[in-house]
């Protein structure tokens, strides 16, 4: 049980989601909000603005002409894509680092999370789901527990790795064998 308490203390060490992300989510939930409202919120955060303009002008989106304002980015990409980009940027603070306990190099967990979120959005849209932003955000943050458990698992990594390589356990089974059901107690979903 003391292990669980020490792990729970690490939750407080997660970097907070930037305030702009929370405001963006609030605005998109308000049916009376407009693209102008969204633009005004994003414009106050220089890092998010710079990232949004950089991505908007990337070859990936193939926009004709230069996007030089947040409002133009929102008009060109649409509100949902802009919200996705803001949430992706906000999650990078916690997810971009290396997770040695899970044998993940810097950026791997974040890339996996972003890929999962984009795929989840696409599937939700195809199924006409109602809570698409919630589905996207849930998929984006599905592995946040790994950030918290990383050091704990890292300390037990040799034992876990040994069970995987020598006894054929899958990672989750080996992790449960070595550190018990603590992950399930902390993150029951």
Protein backbone atom coordinates (compact mmCIF):
# COMPACT_ATOMS: atom_id res chain seq x y z
CA UNK A 1 0.00 0.00 0.00
CA UNK A 2 2.89 2.38 0.64
CA UNK A 3 3.88 1.92 -3.00
CA UNK A 4 0.48 3.16 -4.05
CA UNK A 5 0.83 6.23 -1.84
CA UNK A 6 4.22 7.08 -3.34
CA UNK A 7 2.82 6.65 -6.85
CA UNK A 8 -0.19 8.85 -6.06
CA UNK A 9 2.19 11.59 -4.88
CA UNK A 10 3.75 11.55 -8.36
CA UNK A 11 0.40 12.50 -9.91
CA UNK A 12 0.96 16.00 -8.55
CA UNK A 13 4.20 16.18 -10.52
CA UNK A 14 2.36 16.07 -13.85
CA UNK A 15 2.63 19.37 -15.66
CA UNK A 16 -0.71 21.17 -15.75
CA UNK A 17 -2.53 21.48 -19.04
CA UNK A 18 -2.10 25.06 -20.27
CA UNK A 19 -5.00 27.33 -19.41
CA UNK A 20 -5.62 28.04 -23.09
CA UNK A 21 -6.52 24.37 -23.66
CA UNK A 22 -9.18 24.48 -20.94
CA UNK A 23 -10.60 27.72 -22.34
CA UNK A 24 -10.63 26.29 -25.87
CA UNK A 25 -12.56 23.24 -24.65
CA UNK A 26 -15.06 25.48 -22.83
CA UNK A 27 -15.64 27.62 -25.89
CA UNK A 28 -16.20 24.63 -28.15
CA UNK A 29 -18.80 23.26 -25.73
CA UNK A 30 -20.73 26.55 -25.82
CA UNK A 31 -23.21 26.52 -28.71
CA UNK A 32 -23.25 30.33 -28.72
CA UNK A 33 -19.49 30.65 -29.23
CA UNK A 34 -17.99 31.63 -32.55
CA UNK A 35 -14.75 31.26 -34.46
CA UNK A 36 -13.92 34.79 -33.35
CA UNK A 37 -14.27 33.77 -29.68
CA UNK A 38 -11.96 30.83 -30.27
CA UNK A 39 -9.50 32.99 -32.17
CA UNK A 40 -9.34 35.56 -29.35
CA UNK A 41 -8.55 32.90 -26.73
CA UNK A 42 -5.81 31.25 -28.79
CA UNK A 43 -4.22 34.55 -29.82
CA UNK A 44 -3.37 35.33 -26.17
CA UNK A 45 -1.08 32.28 -26.01
CA UNK A 46 1.97 32.94 -28.17
CA UNK A 47 3.26 29.35 -28.07
CA UNK A 48 -0.07 27.88 -29.17
CA UNK A 49 -0.47 30.60 -31.81
CA UNK A 50 3.00 29.95 -33.23
CA UNK A 51 2.41 26.19 -33.28
CA UNK A 52 -1.01 26.55 -34.89
CA UNK A 53 0.34 28.81 -37.65
CA UNK A 54 3.31 26.51 -38.23
CA UNK A 55 1.10 23.44 -38.57
CA UNK A 56 -1.50 25.30 -40.66
CA UNK A 57 1.17 26.25 -43.16
CA UNK A 58 2.71 22.77 -43.29
CA UNK A 59 2.56 20.62 -46.38
CA UNK A 60 0.35 18.18 -44.46
CA UNK A 61 -2.66 20.48 -44.75
CA UNK A 62 -1.77 21.71 -48.24
CA UNK A 63 -3.39 25.12 -47.89
CA UNK A 64 -3.23 27.43 -50.86
CA UNK A 65 -1.81 30.73 -49.71
CA UNK A 66 -0.16 31.62 -46.45
CA UNK A 67 -2.11 31.35 -43.22
CA UNK A 68 -0.93 34.32 -41.16
CA UNK A 69 -3.54 34.63 -38.42
CA UNK A 70 -5.29 32.39 -35.93
CA UNK A 71 -8.65 33.36 -37.41
CA UNK A 72 -7.54 32.29 -40.91
CA UNK A 73 -6.27 29.01 -39.47
CA UNK A 74 -9.63 28.34 -37.82
CA UNK A 75 -11.53 29.21 -41.00
CA UNK A 76 -9.21 27.04 -43.13
CA UNK A 77 -8.88 24.04 -40.83
CA UNK A 78 -12.19 24.17 -38.98
CA UNK A 79 -12.80 24.42 -35.26
CA UNK A 80 -12.44 20.71 -34.53
CA UNK A 81 -8.99 20.47 -36.15
CA UNK A 82 -7.84 23.57 -34.28
CA UNK A 83 -9.09 22.10 -30.99
CA UNK A 84 -7.21 18.89 -31.81
CA UNK A 85 -4.01 20.83 -32.46
CA UNK A 86 -4.35 22.80 -29.21
CA UNK A 87 -4.92 19.61 -27.20
CA UNK A 88 -2.03 17.84 -28.92
CA UNK A 89 0.27 20.74 -28.07
CA UNK A 90 -1.02 20.81 -24.48
CA UNK A 91 -0.42 17.09 -23.99
CA UNK A 92 3.14 17.24 -25.24
CA UNK A 93 4.32 18.73 -21.92
CA UNK A 94 3.66 15.43 -20.17
CA UNK A 95 3.93 12.87 -22.94
CA UNK A 96 7.03 13.84 -24.96
CA UNK A 97 9.68 12.70 -22.49
CA UNK A 98 11.37 9.31 -22.56
CA UNK A 99 9.62 6.62 -20.53
CA UNK A 100 12.52 4.32 -19.70
CA UNK A 101 10.36 2.02 -17.60
CA UNK A 102 8.36 1.21 -20.70
CA UNK A 103 11.39 1.20 -23.02
CA UNK A 104 10.05 4.24 -24.88
CA UNK A 105 12.42 6.84 -26.30
CA UNK A 106 11.72 10.54 -26.14
CA UNK A 107 8.63 11.37 -28.18
CA UNK A 108 7.44 7.78 -28.72
CA UNK A 109 4.64 7.86 -26.14
CA UNK A 110 3.48 11.25 -27.44
CA UNK A 111 3.49 10.09 -31.09
CA UNK A 112 1.53 6.99 -30.14
CA UNK A 113 -0.97 9.07 -28.19
CA UNK A 114 -1.44 11.54 -31.05
CA UNK A 115 -1.88 8.71 -33.57
CA UNK A 116 -4.44 7.04 -31.30
CA UNK A 117 -6.35 10.29 -30.85
CA UNK A 118 -6.46 11.07 -34.57
CA UNK A 119 -7.61 7.53 -35.36
CA UNK A 120 -10.23 7.67 -32.59
CA UNK A 121 -11.57 10.96 -34.01
CA UNK A 122 -11.76 9.49 -37.51
CA UNK A 123 -13.61 6.40 -36.28
CA UNK A 124 -15.95 8.50 -34.13
CA UNK A 125 -16.78 10.73 -37.09
CA UNK A 126 -17.48 7.71 -39.31
CA UNK A 127 -19.82 6.33 -36.64
CA UNK A 128 -21.45 9.75 -36.13
CA UNK A 129 -20.58 9.71 -32.43
CA UNK A 130 -21.91 12.59 -30.35
CA UNK A 131 -18.94 13.24 -28.05
CA UNK A 132 -16.15 13.37 -30.64
CA UNK A 133 -13.99 15.80 -28.63
CA UNK A 134 -14.30 13.60 -25.54
CA UNK A 135 -13.33 10.54 -27.59
CA UNK A 136 -10.35 12.38 -29.06
CA UNK A 137 -9.17 13.62 -25.65
CA UNK A 138 -9.62 10.21 -24.03
CA UNK A 139 -7.53 8.54 -26.71
CA UNK A 140 -4.90 11.28 -26.48
CA UNK A 141 -4.52 10.80 -22.73
CA UNK A 142 -5.02 7.03 -22.60
CA UNK A 143 -1.42 6.38 -21.52
CA UNK A 144 -0.93 9.27 -19.08
CA UNK A 145 -0.63 6.66 -16.33
CA UNK A 146 2.62 5.50 -17.90
CA UNK A 147 4.12 8.90 -17.15
CA UNK A 148 3.20 8.49 -13.49
CA UNK A 149 4.23 4.84 -13.23
CA UNK A 150 7.38 5.23 -15.32
CA UNK A 151 9.88 5.48 -12.46
CA UNK A 152 8.17 2.73 -10.51
CA UNK A 153 8.18 0.41 -13.52
CA UNK A 154 11.72 1.52 -14.40
CA UNK A 155 12.90 0.35 -10.98
CA UNK A 156 11.30 -3.05 -11.71
CA UNK A 157 12.14 -3.11 -15.42
CA UNK A 158 14.81 -5.82 -15.23
CA UNK A 159 12.43 -8.21 -13.48
CA UNK A 160 9.61 -7.41 -15.92
CA UNK A 161 11.91 -7.72 -18.93
CA UNK A 162 13.21 -11.05 -17.66
CA UNK A 163 9.69 -12.46 -17.42
CA UNK A 164 8.93 -11.28 -20.94
CA UNK A 165 12.11 -12.60 -22.54
CA UNK A 166 12.72 -15.76 -20.51
CA UNK A 167 9.22 -16.93 -19.67
CA UNK A 168 7.22 -15.56 -22.60
CA UNK A 169 4.96 -13.28 -20.56
CA UNK A 170 3.39 -10.33 -22.36
CA UNK A 171 4.36 -6.95 -20.87
CA UNK A 172 1.08 -6.37 -18.99
CA UNK A 173 1.18 -9.83 -17.39
CA UNK A 174 4.84 -9.42 -16.41
CA UNK A 175 4.13 -5.94 -15.02
CA UNK A 176 1.24 -7.32 -12.95
CA UNK A 177 3.42 -10.18 -11.71
CA UNK A 178 6.18 -7.82 -10.55
CA UNK A 179 4.29 -4.76 -9.32
CA UNK A 180 0.88 -6.31 -8.72
CA UNK A 181 -2.51 -4.79 -9.39
CA UNK A 182 -1.40 -1.30 -8.39
CA UNK A 183 -1.85 0.03 -11.90
CA UNK A 184 -5.44 -1.18 -11.86
CA UNK A 185 -6.03 0.39 -8.44
CA UNK A 186 -4.73 3.73 -9.68
CA UNK A 187 -6.21 3.68 -13.18
CA UNK A 188 -9.26 1.40 -13.12
CA UNK A 189 -10.37 2.18 -16.67
